[in-house]
Amino acid sequence: MPMRPLSRLLLASLTTLALIAGACASQQKTDDSSGSSGGDGRQAQSTIEDVPNEGAPAATGPEFKAYDAPEGFSIGMPAEPQVARKQVPLGSGTVSTAAYSARAMEVLYSVSIADYPEKLVASRPPEALLNEGRDGLAKEVQGTLKDEQDITLEGGYPGKAYTVSSPTVGELKARNYLVGARMYTLLVLFNPNSGTPPADAFFDSLKLVNPPPPLVTAVPDAGTLDAGTLDTGLDAGTGTPDAGARRRKTK
C-alpha cells in the first residue's frame, strides 16, 4: 500500500536522526567489542535480550548547557552539537528540517524540527500528526513501542512522550511536540544495560523563542474525511488555508 504523503514527510524528517543514531550505535559496538575480548581472543557477546534492564541504576548525567538554535528555540546540550539540515521536497515546495545532536557518556541527545505547510498541518488532528511522528521514528530504528503518554508543552502545544526499544540501536526515549506548523522531535538514545540517562532533564530544557499560537485546524463536513488519504490542496509555494474554512483550535 502506498505511504500517505504526510507519513513520507515525517519519515524523511526523521531520517537524519536515524542516521545519527545508527552511527552512534556502530561506534558504541566498536568500543564495546574492543574492551570486551576474552583472553582467548574471543569477544564476549551481549544483547538487550541477554541482559534484562529491569532495575538498572540511573546513569550519572552530564551537565547540560543551553544552546541557542537560530530556528527559534534553545535546548540543553552536554557538548557543542553537530548540526544537519535538509530540504525535503513537497510538491512544488519543500519542508525545512534541522537536527542538533551531541554525545556524552555513550548517550546520544538530539532534537530535530520539521517545518510543514500550515494547510497540511491544519487538515489533520494534532493526535494523528503526533502518532505518525511516533510510528515513523519506531519504524526507522526497527523498534517496538514500550510506552507512551499524551503531554503538553508550555504554551498549550500538544505533544507525545514515548519509549521505543530497538534491537539495532538500543533504547530511545522521545518526545514529539506540534508547535504551530512545526514538529519538534527530541530523543535520547542509550544502552539500557548501562543504566537510564537523565532524559527528562534534557527534554525539560527545551525553550521556545517567540513561538506561534497553536495552529487552527479545519473541521471537515461530516462524512467527507477519508482517513486513508491526505489531499493537501496546496497551491505552489503557499501553505495558507482556503478562505472561509470552518476552524477549531487544537487542544
Protein backbone atom coordinates (compact mmCIF):
# COMPACT_ATOMS: atom_id res chain seq x y z
CA MET A 1 0.00 0.00 0.00
CA PRO A 2 1.48 3.42 -0.91
CA MET A 3 2.53 5.53 2.06
CA ARG A 4 0.47 8.64 2.62
CA PRO A 5 2.19 11.97 1.80
CA LEU A 6 2.42 13.12 5.41
CA SER A 7 3.83 9.79 6.53
CA ARG A 8 6.54 10.08 3.89
CA LEU A 9 7.38 13.56 5.12
CA LEU A 10 7.57 12.51 8.75
CA LEU A 11 9.83 9.61 7.86
CA ALA A 12 12.01 11.85 5.74
CA SER A 13 12.40 14.40 8.52
CA LEU A 14 13.48 11.66 10.90
CA THR A 15 15.99 10.08 8.51
CA THR A 16 18.75 12.38 9.73
CA LEU A 17 18.12 11.29 13.30
CA ALA A 18 18.11 7.64 12.31
CA LEU A 19 21.45 8.03 10.54
CA ILE A 20 22.94 9.76 13.57
CA ALA A 21 21.56 7.03 15.83
CA GLY A 22 22.98 4.33 13.59
CA ALA A 23 26.42 5.92 13.60
CA CYS A 24 26.30 6.26 17.37
CA ALA A 25 25.31 2.63 17.81
CA SER A 26 28.02 1.42 15.42
CA GLN A 27 30.69 3.36 17.30
CA GLN A 28 29.42 2.06 20.63
CA LYS A 29 29.55 -1.54 19.39
CA THR A 30 33.15 -0.97 18.25
CA ASP A 31 34.10 0.47 21.63
CA ASP A 32 32.38 -2.37 23.48
CA SER A 33 33.97 -5.10 21.37
CA SER A 34 37.47 -3.67 21.76
CA GLY A 35 37.15 -3.70 25.51
CA SER A 36 35.31 -7.00 26.00
CA SER A 37 37.58 -9.59 24.35
CA GLY A 38 38.44 -12.64 26.43
CA GLY A 39 41.94 -13.98 26.96
CA ASP A 40 41.45 -16.47 24.13
CA GLY A 41 40.75 -13.65 21.68
CA ARG A 42 37.03 -14.36 21.52
CA GLN A 43 34.76 -11.42 22.08
CA ALA A 44 32.07 -11.52 24.71
CA GLN A 45 28.61 -11.20 23.16
CA SER A 46 25.79 -9.31 24.80
CA THR A 47 22.40 -8.13 23.55
CA ILE A 48 19.49 -6.29 25.07
CA GLU A 49 17.61 -9.59 25.30
CA ASP A 50 20.53 -11.34 27.02
CA VAL A 51 20.70 -8.86 29.88
CA PRO A 52 17.36 -7.53 31.13
CA ASN A 53 17.39 -3.89 32.12
CA GLU A 54 14.86 -4.08 34.95
CA GLY A 55 16.32 -2.44 37.99
CA ALA A 56 19.27 -0.94 36.13
CA PRO A 57 20.54 2.05 38.11
CA ALA A 58 20.10 5.52 36.72
CA ALA A 59 23.22 6.74 34.99
CA THR A 60 25.01 9.82 36.28
CA GLY A 61 24.12 12.54 33.84
CA PRO A 62 26.25 15.17 32.15
CA GLU A 63 25.95 18.89 32.66
CA PHE A 64 23.60 20.47 30.14
CA LYS A 65 24.42 23.91 28.78
CA ALA A 66 21.86 25.97 26.91
CA TYR A 67 22.38 26.06 23.16
CA ASP A 68 20.53 28.73 21.18
CA ALA A 69 19.42 27.47 17.77
CA PRO A 70 18.80 30.03 15.01
CA GLU A 71 15.45 28.36 14.28
CA GLY A 72 13.94 29.97 17.37
CA PHE A 73 14.49 27.64 20.33
CA SER A 74 17.09 26.74 22.92
CA ILE A 75 17.97 23.29 24.23
CA GLY A 76 20.33 21.97 26.89
CA MET A 77 23.22 20.05 25.35
CA PRO A 78 26.07 18.12 27.02
CA ALA A 79 28.51 19.38 24.34
CA GLU A 80 28.61 21.52 21.21
CA PRO A 81 26.03 19.81 18.97
CA GLN A 82 26.53 18.60 15.44
CA VAL A 83 24.04 20.20 13.07
CA ALA A 84 22.43 18.63 10.00
CA ARG A 85 19.93 20.44 7.78
CA LYS A 86 17.90 19.07 4.91
CA GLN A 87 15.25 20.24 2.45
CA VAL A 88 12.55 17.62 1.85
CA PRO A 89 10.56 18.06 -1.41
CA LEU A 90 6.79 18.52 -1.06
CA GLY A 91 5.00 19.04 -4.35
CA SER A 92 6.35 22.29 -5.76
CA GLY A 93 7.72 23.35 -2.37
CA THR A 94 9.95 21.98 0.36
CA VAL A 95 9.88 21.16 4.06
CA SER A 96 12.84 22.52 6.01
CA THR A 97 14.34 20.18 8.60
CA ALA A 98 17.20 20.59 11.05
CA ALA A 99 18.72 18.24 13.62
CA TYR A 100 21.06 19.00 16.53
CA SER A 101 22.83 16.15 18.32
CA ALA A 102 25.58 15.62 20.88
CA ARG A 103 27.02 12.60 22.68
CA ALA A 104 28.04 12.25 26.31
CA MET A 105 28.80 9.10 28.33
CA GLU A 106 27.80 6.87 25.38
CA VAL A 107 24.37 8.53 25.19
CA LEU A 108 23.07 10.46 22.19
CA TYR A 109 20.94 13.57 22.80
CA SER A 110 19.15 15.00 19.77
CA VAL A 111 16.45 17.47 18.80
CA SER A 112 15.05 17.92 15.30
CA ILE A 113 12.49 20.22 13.72
CA ALA A 114 10.42 19.94 10.56
CA ASP A 115 8.52 22.97 9.25
CA TYR A 116 5.43 21.86 7.30
CA PRO A 117 2.96 23.92 5.25
CA GLU A 118 0.26 25.26 7.55
CA LYS A 119 -2.58 23.96 5.40
CA LEU A 120 -1.18 20.44 5.53
CA VAL A 121 -0.97 20.52 9.32
CA ALA A 122 -4.36 22.21 9.71
CA SER A 123 -6.01 19.45 7.69
CA ARG A 124 -5.22 16.77 10.28
CA PRO A 125 -5.95 16.42 14.01
CA PRO A 126 -2.82 17.01 16.15
CA GLU A 127 -3.13 13.50 17.58
CA ALA A 128 -2.81 11.99 14.10
CA LEU A 129 0.32 14.00 13.33
CA LEU A 130 1.94 13.10 16.65
CA ASN A 131 1.09 9.42 16.22
CA GLU A 132 2.62 9.37 12.76
CA GLY A 133 5.76 11.01 14.10
CA ARG A 134 5.98 8.33 16.78
CA ASP A 135 5.35 5.50 14.32
CA GLY A 136 7.83 6.94 11.83
CA LEU A 137 10.63 7.02 14.38
CA ALA A 138 9.87 3.49 15.59
CA LYS A 139 9.94 2.22 12.02
CA GLU A 140 13.20 4.00 11.19
CA VAL A 141 15.03 2.23 14.05
CA GLN A 142 13.14 -1.07 13.60
CA GLY A 143 11.88 -0.78 17.16
CA THR A 144 8.77 -1.54 19.18
CA LEU A 145 6.78 0.87 21.30
CA LYS A 146 7.15 0.22 25.05
CA ASP A 147 5.07 3.03 26.50
CA GLU A 148 3.54 6.38 25.58
CA GLN A 149 1.77 9.32 27.17
CA ASP A 150 0.00 12.43 25.91
CA ILE A 151 1.74 15.58 27.16
CA THR A 152 1.54 19.34 26.66
CA LEU A 153 4.38 21.80 26.18
CA GLU A 154 4.27 25.15 27.95
CA GLY A 155 2.02 27.39 25.90
CA GLY A 156 -0.59 24.70 25.29
CA TYR A 157 1.14 22.86 22.45
CA PRO A 158 0.16 19.18 22.15
CA GLY A 159 2.80 16.50 22.47
CA LYS A 160 3.50 12.84 23.00
CA ALA A 161 6.13 11.14 25.18
CA TYR A 162 7.11 7.55 24.39
CA THR A 163 9.82 4.92 24.62
CA VAL A 164 10.98 2.70 21.76
CA SER A 165 13.12 -0.42 22.18
CA SER A 166 15.25 -1.32 19.17
CA PRO A 167 17.41 -4.44 18.70
CA THR A 168 19.72 -2.47 16.41
CA VAL A 169 20.37 0.84 18.20
CA GLY A 170 19.28 0.31 21.82
CA GLU A 171 16.52 2.20 23.62
CA LEU A 172 15.02 5.55 22.71
CA LYS A 173 13.15 7.94 24.95
CA ALA A 174 11.44 10.54 22.79
CA ARG A 175 9.02 13.43 22.77
CA ASN A 176 7.16 14.97 19.85
CA TYR A 177 5.58 18.42 20.03
CA LEU A 178 3.45 20.19 17.45
CA VAL A 179 4.14 23.93 17.67
CA GLY A 180 2.15 25.71 15.00
CA ALA A 181 3.17 24.01 11.76
CA ARG A 182 6.48 22.79 13.21
CA MET A 183 7.11 19.31 14.58
CA TYR A 184 9.77 19.04 17.30
CA THR A 185 11.27 15.61 17.94
CA LEU A 186 13.52 15.20 20.97
CA LEU A 187 15.21 11.89 21.66
CA VAL A 188 17.72 10.25 23.95
CA LEU A 189 19.39 7.09 22.63
CA PHE A 190 21.15 4.79 25.09
CA ASN A 191 22.11 1.23 26.00
CA PRO A 192 19.55 0.13 28.63
CA ASN A 193 22.10 -2.23 30.20
CA SER A 194 24.23 0.77 31.18
CA GLY A 195 21.51 2.49 33.17
CA THR A 196 18.94 5.13 32.29
CA PRO A 197 20.30 8.59 31.43
CA PRO A 198 18.66 11.82 32.67
CA ALA A 199 16.33 12.12 29.69
CA ASP A 200 13.80 14.32 31.48
CA ALA A 201 16.45 16.95 32.22
CA PHE A 202 17.20 17.13 28.50
CA PHE A 203 13.54 17.19 27.46
CA ASP A 204 12.62 19.84 30.01
CA SER A 205 15.43 22.12 28.81
CA LEU A 206 13.59 22.92 25.56
CA LYS A 207 12.61 26.59 25.46
CA LEU A 208 10.75 28.24 22.60
CA VAL A 209 11.58 31.76 21.42
CA ASN A 210 8.55 33.77 20.25
CA PRO A 211 6.55 30.68 19.25
CA PRO A 212 3.40 30.96 17.12
CA PRO A 213 -0.03 30.32 18.64
CA PRO A 214 -1.43 26.79 18.41
CA LEU A 215 -2.50 26.17 14.83
CA VAL A 216 -6.16 26.35 13.90
CA THR A 217 -7.44 23.07 12.46
CA ALA A 218 -10.05 22.95 9.70
CA VAL A 219 -13.17 20.97 10.62
CA PRO A 220 -14.34 18.77 7.70
CA ASP A 221 -18.02 18.22 6.96
CA ALA A 222 -19.40 15.03 8.47
CA GLY A 223 -18.70 12.03 6.29
CA THR A 224 -16.28 13.83 3.96
CA LEU A 225 -12.97 12.95 5.62
CA ASP A 226 -11.23 9.90 4.19
CA ALA A 227 -8.95 8.63 6.94
CA GLY A 228 -6.76 6.82 4.45
CA THR A 229 -5.85 9.79 2.27
CA LEU A 230 -4.41 13.23 2.66
CA ASP A 231 -5.12 15.84 0.00
CA THR A 232 -3.03 18.86 0.89
CA GLY A 233 -4.66 21.11 -1.71
CA LEU A 234 -1.60 23.34 -1.65
CA ASP A 235 -1.01 26.00 -4.26
CA ALA A 236 2.59 26.31 -5.41
CA GLY A 237 4.67 27.95 -2.71
CA THR A 238 1.82 28.57 -0.27
CA GLY A 239 0.67 26.92 2.90
CA THR A 240 -2.31 29.19 3.64
CA PRO A 241 -5.72 27.59 4.36
CA ASP A 242 -8.57 28.34 1.97
CA ALA A 243 -10.57 31.39 2.93
CA GLY A 244 -13.82 30.65 4.69
CA ALA A 245 -12.85 27.26 6.05
CA ARG A 246 -14.50 26.42 9.34
CA ARG A 247 -11.98 26.03 12.12
CA ARG A 248 -11.45 24.95 15.67
CA LYS A 249 -8.49 25.45 17.95
CA THR A 250 -6.26 22.49 18.63
CA LYS A 251 -6.20 21.36 22.21
